[in-house]
Amino acid sequence: MSVLFIPYLRIMSETAQIALTPAAAARVAAIAKKQDKPAILRLAVDGGGCAGFQYRFGLADSIEADDAATSQDGVTLVVDAISLDLVRGSAVDYVESLGGASFQVKNPQAASGCGCGTSFSI
């Protein structure tokens, strides 16, 4: 077993500034394995979308020094400090339905959102 040492990494507290559900962790693990990458999901918030801000997901190769991180079932969710202010208290989930499958952010700070669920306003 190897130990990953990352100086200055801020680990999110148990009061979870943001959470990764088991369903989302399982999906990230499957995608990472298929792409032969580390099981690190990066969530970022960008300006734009139909409601003002939009979520961006991607696999990360590493954890940056200013990232906040939390883990679920061996998968790490990382969020940069600026995005964290906009998603604090949220849960990242993976949902499959007849309409498709996607990662979704359940954000208690969002005052409104668009129909597709990838854009929000505060």
C-alpha atoms as a PDB file:
ATOM      1  CA  MET A   1       0.000   0.000   0.000  1.00  0.00           C
ATOM      2  CA  SER A   2       1.464   3.367  -0.998  1.00  0.00           C
ATOM      3  CA  VAL A   3       0.765   6.637   0.736  1.00  0.00           C
ATOM      4  CA  LEU A   4       0.046   9.763  -1.270  1.00  0.00           C
ATOM      5  CA  PHE A   5       1.563  12.879   0.299  1.00  0.00           C
ATOM      6  CA  ILE A   6       0.281  16.183  -0.991  1.00  0.00           C
ATOM      7  CA  PRO A   7       1.505  19.264   0.848  1.00  0.00           C
ATOM      8  CA  TYR A   8      -1.090  21.890   1.762  1.00  0.00           C
ATOM      9  CA  LEU A   9      -4.019  19.722   0.632  1.00  0.00           C
ATOM     10  CA  ARG A  10      -7.186  20.703   2.432  1.00  0.00           C
ATOM     11  CA  ILE A  11      -9.240  17.639   3.286  1.00  0.00           C
ATOM     12  CA  MET A  12     -12.915  18.413   3.733  1.00  0.00           C
ATOM     13  CA  SER A  13     -14.260  17.871   7.211  1.00  0.00           C
ATOM     14  CA  GLU A  14     -16.786  15.257   8.257  1.00  0.00           C
ATOM     15  CA  THR A  15     -19.406  18.004   8.169  1.00  0.00           C
ATOM     16  CA  ALA A  16     -18.786  17.625   4.448  1.00  0.00           C
ATOM     17  CA  GLN A  17     -18.481  20.818   2.546  1.00  0.00           C
ATOM     18  CA  ILE A  18     -19.456  18.665  -0.440  1.00  0.00           C
ATOM     19  CA  ALA A  19     -20.279  14.970  -0.754  1.00  0.00           C
ATOM     20  CA  LEU A  20     -19.890  12.248  -3.365  1.00  0.00           C
ATOM     21  CA  THR A  21     -22.646   9.632  -3.329  1.00  0.00           C
ATOM     22  CA  PRO A  22     -21.869   5.916  -3.595  1.00  0.00           C
ATOM     23  CA  ALA A  23     -23.548   5.831  -7.044  1.00  0.00           C
ATOM     24  CA  ALA A  24     -21.326   8.644  -8.302  1.00  0.00           C
ATOM     25  CA  ALA A  25     -18.223   7.033  -6.786  1.00  0.00           C
ATOM     26  CA  ALA A  26     -19.010   3.716  -8.488  1.00  0.00           C
ATOM     27  CA  ARG A  27     -19.445   5.409 -11.876  1.00  0.00           C
ATOM     28  CA  VAL A  28     -16.228   7.424 -11.529  1.00  0.00           C
ATOM     29  CA  ALA A  29     -14.342   4.261 -10.564  1.00  0.00           C
ATOM     30  CA  ALA A  30     -15.674   2.453 -13.655  1.00  0.00           C
ATOM     31  CA  ILE A  31     -14.784   5.335 -15.998  1.00  0.00           C
ATOM     32  CA  ALA A  32     -11.322   5.763 -14.465  1.00  0.00           C
ATOM     33  CA  LYS A  33     -10.595   2.042 -14.767  1.00  0.00           C
ATOM     34  CA  LYS A  34     -11.697   2.009 -18.410  1.00  0.00           C
ATOM     35  CA  GLN A  35      -9.480   5.019 -19.186  1.00  0.00           C
ATOM     36  CA  ASP A  36      -6.598   3.733 -17.004  1.00  0.00           C
ATOM     37  CA  LYS A  37      -6.608   6.931 -14.927  1.00  0.00           C
ATOM     38  CA  PRO A  38      -6.704   7.640 -11.195  1.00  0.00           C
ATOM     39  CA  ALA A  39     -10.210   7.669  -9.677  1.00  0.00           C
ATOM     40  CA  ILE A  40     -10.227  11.428  -9.099  1.00  0.00           C
ATOM     41  CA  LEU A  41     -13.287  13.421 -10.157  1.00  0.00           C
ATOM     42  CA  ARG A  42     -12.831  17.173 -10.502  1.00  0.00           C
ATOM     43  CA  LEU A  43     -15.867  19.422 -10.112  1.00  0.00           C
ATOM     44  CA  ALA A  44     -15.496  23.025 -11.206  1.00  0.00           C
ATOM     45  CA  VAL A  45     -17.936  25.880 -11.672  1.00  0.00           C
ATOM     46  CA  ASP A  46     -17.637  28.092 -14.750  1.00  0.00           C
ATOM     47  CA  GLY A  47     -19.507  31.231 -15.692  1.00  0.00           C
ATOM     48  CA  GLY A  48     -22.066  30.672 -18.426  1.00  0.00           C
ATOM     49  CA  GLY A  49     -24.909  28.329 -19.166  1.00  0.00           C
ATOM     50  CA  CYS A  50     -28.497  29.433 -19.354  1.00  0.00           C
ATOM     51  CA  ALA A  51     -28.738  30.283 -15.622  1.00  0.00           C
ATOM     52  CA  GLY A  52     -25.412  32.059 -14.957  1.00  0.00           C
ATOM     53  CA  PHE A  53     -23.068  29.299 -13.735  1.00  0.00           C
ATOM     54  CA  GLN A  54     -22.463  25.792 -15.026  1.00  0.00           C
ATOM     55  CA  TYR A  55     -20.920  22.664 -13.554  1.00  0.00           C
ATOM     56  CA  ARG A  56     -17.942  21.053 -15.263  1.00  0.00           C
ATOM     57  CA  PHE A  57     -16.838  17.484 -14.496  1.00  0.00           C
ATOM     58  CA  GLY A  58     -13.709  15.677 -15.563  1.00  0.00           C
ATOM     59  CA  LEU A  59     -11.235  13.053 -14.446  1.00  0.00           C
ATOM     60  CA  ALA A  60      -8.135  14.585 -12.917  1.00  0.00           C
ATOM     61  CA  ASP A  61      -4.649  13.146 -13.137  1.00  0.00           C
ATOM     62  CA  SER A  62      -3.692  14.561  -9.749  1.00  0.00           C
ATOM     63  CA  ILE A  63      -4.863  16.659  -6.834  1.00  0.00           C
ATOM     64  CA  GLU A  64      -3.698  20.277  -6.889  1.00  0.00           C
ATOM     65  CA  ALA A  65      -2.294  21.998  -3.792  1.00  0.00           C
ATOM     66  CA  ASP A  66      -5.260  24.391  -3.440  1.00  0.00           C
ATOM     67  CA  ASP A  67      -7.936  21.707  -3.950  1.00  0.00           C
ATOM     68  CA  ALA A  68     -10.389  20.653  -1.297  1.00  0.00           C
ATOM     69  CA  ALA A  69     -10.915  16.889  -1.436  1.00  0.00           C
ATOM     70  CA  THR A  70     -13.248  14.254  -0.073  1.00  0.00           C
ATOM     71  CA  SER A  71     -13.400  10.516  -0.683  1.00  0.00           C
ATOM     72  CA  GLN A  72     -16.100   7.878  -1.067  1.00  0.00           C
ATOM     73  CA  ASP A  73     -15.418   4.190  -1.685  1.00  0.00           C
ATOM     74  CA  GLY A  74     -11.863   4.809  -2.899  1.00  0.00           C
ATOM     75  CA  VAL A  75     -12.811   7.651  -5.253  1.00  0.00           C
ATOM     76  CA  THR A  76     -11.689  11.218  -4.583  1.00  0.00           C
ATOM     77  CA  LEU A  77     -13.753  14.303  -5.414  1.00  0.00           C
ATOM     78  CA  VAL A  78     -11.702  17.490  -5.752  1.00  0.00           C
ATOM     79  CA  VAL A  79     -12.942  21.066  -5.973  1.00  0.00           C
ATOM     80  CA  ASP A  80     -10.859  24.211  -6.394  1.00  0.00           C
ATOM     81  CA  ALA A  81     -11.225  26.938  -3.755  1.00  0.00           C
ATOM     82  CA  ILE A  82     -13.220  29.350  -5.940  1.00  0.00           C
ATOM     83  CA  SER A  83     -15.696  26.686  -7.093  1.00  0.00           C
ATOM     84  CA  LEU A  84     -16.045  25.366  -3.543  1.00  0.00           C
ATOM     85  CA  ASP A  85     -17.645  28.638  -2.439  1.00  0.00           C
ATOM     86  CA  LEU A  86     -20.405  28.057  -5.019  1.00  0.00           C
ATOM     87  CA  VAL A  87     -21.043  24.361  -4.264  1.00  0.00           C
ATOM     88  CA  ARG A  88     -20.489  24.188  -0.495  1.00  0.00           C
ATOM     89  CA  GLY A  89     -23.055  21.824   1.065  1.00  0.00           C
ATOM     90  CA  SER A  90     -23.783  20.083  -2.244  1.00  0.00           C
ATOM     91  CA  ALA A  91     -23.892  16.395  -3.108  1.00  0.00           C
ATOM     92  CA  VAL A  92     -22.611  14.994  -6.408  1.00  0.00           C
ATOM     93  CA  ASP A  93     -24.738  12.073  -7.572  1.00  0.00           C
ATOM     94  CA  TYR A  94     -24.903   9.847 -10.650  1.00  0.00           C
ATOM     95  CA  VAL A  95     -28.427   9.300 -11.944  1.00  0.00           C
ATOM     96  CA  GLU A  96     -29.642   6.916 -14.652  1.00  0.00           C
ATOM     97  CA  SER A  97     -33.134   7.360 -16.075  1.00  0.00           C
ATOM     98  CA  LEU A  98     -35.049   6.799 -19.297  1.00  0.00           C
ATOM     99  CA  GLY A  99     -33.871  10.240 -20.413  1.00  0.00           C
ATOM    100  CA  GLY A 100     -30.199   9.347 -20.011  1.00  0.00           C
ATOM    101  CA  ALA A 101     -27.496   9.171 -17.402  1.00  0.00           C
ATOM    102  CA  SER A 102     -25.509  12.006 -15.870  1.00  0.00           C
ATOM    103  CA  PHE A 103     -23.655  13.362 -12.895  1.00  0.00           C
ATOM    104  CA  GLN A 104     -25.858  15.821 -11.023  1.00  0.00           C
ATOM    105  CA  VAL A 105     -25.100  18.349  -8.320  1.00  0.00           C
ATOM    106  CA  LYS A 106     -27.730  18.817  -5.637  1.00  0.00           C
ATOM    107  CA  ASN A 107     -26.770  22.340  -4.607  1.00  0.00           C
ATOM    108  CA  PRO A 108     -28.626  23.924  -1.660  1.00  0.00           C
ATOM    109  CA  GLN A 109     -27.166  27.323  -2.618  1.00  0.00           C
ATOM    110  CA  ALA A 110     -28.735  27.332  -6.089  1.00  0.00           C
ATOM    111  CA  ALA A 111     -31.669  29.732  -6.249  1.00  0.00           C
ATOM    112  CA  SER A 112     -32.684  28.471  -9.670  1.00  0.00           C
ATOM    113  CA  GLY A 113     -31.460  26.124 -12.371  1.00  0.00           C
ATOM    114  CA  CYS A 114     -32.103  25.123 -15.933  1.00  0.00           C
ATOM    115  CA  GLY A 115     -34.058  22.104 -17.093  1.00  0.00           C
ATOM    116  CA  CYS A 116     -30.964  20.083 -17.990  1.00  0.00           C
ATOM    117  CA  GLY A 117     -29.490  20.456 -14.492  1.00  0.00           C
ATOM    118  CA  THR A 118     -26.045  21.631 -15.565  1.00  0.00           C
ATOM    119  CA  SER A 119     -26.624  25.347 -15.055  1.00  0.00           C
ATOM    120  CA  PHE A 120     -27.646  27.301 -11.950  1.00  0.00           C
ATOM    121  CA  SER A 121     -27.835  30.745 -10.359  1.00  0.00           C
ATOM    122  CA  ILE A 122     -27.276  31.878  -6.798  1.00  0.00           C
END
